[in-house]
Amino acid sequence: MRTLLTPEQLDSGIVRLADAVRADVGRRPLLVVGVLTGSIVVVADLIRRLDGPICVGMVWASSYRGTATRPGELDLRLDLLPDIAGQEVLLVDDIFDSGRTLEALVTELDRRGAARVHSLVLLRKLRRAEVAMEPEYVGFDIPDEFVVGYGLDFNGEFRHLPYLAALDPDDIAAIRRAPSNVAYHRQFDPAGGPRS
């Protein structure tokens, strides 16, 4: 595991994203819709930086399951979504990989009557998109690697890390072999931080 983005870099990126959104939206009310579960940290940090009237809603989307490192079939659940008719929406996701999740959600939010849907992602993987659309706001471009931390997980682990790290193939293989992820944590990192 190696660090791709430090806590300081992530914080700076969130400030930059919040400034860009407010520069475009101004003081108009904004409904921030986070995509569970990977965006929870991004949404929490972002809404504290967005001045002006804000409401928050969440949707659930998943295309990664268990120890998969490539997206599979997309599953969407929008039952937590408030009424968005006539509202200006900022859809926030953790990562733009194939782009299928963001495209499907923007389409659904438009269908439900949003006045406008803006899209924001913390991360965009280079050369991975399978759709024509691009997110409106991008925090960081990253290489095509499997990343964890700052809300992103592998098999339910590592969301709590305050930095973004890439798992190399040996890390992934060790996690799959370990009887528990706790055993893996102790094995690769007895001191509590990734190698740089």
Foldseek 3Di string as FASTA:
>chain_A
DAFDWALVLLLVLLLVQLVVVCVVVPQDEEEEEEEPDQCPLSVVSNVVNHDHHYHYWYWYWAQDDAQDQDGHDIDTGCPRPDQQAAAEYEYEYAECAQVPVVVVVLVVSVVSHHPYYAYEYAEYEPPGHNDDDDHPYYRYYDHSFRKAECRRDGRPDRPPHSGIDGDDPVLSVCCVPDPHVVVSCCVQPVPPDHHD
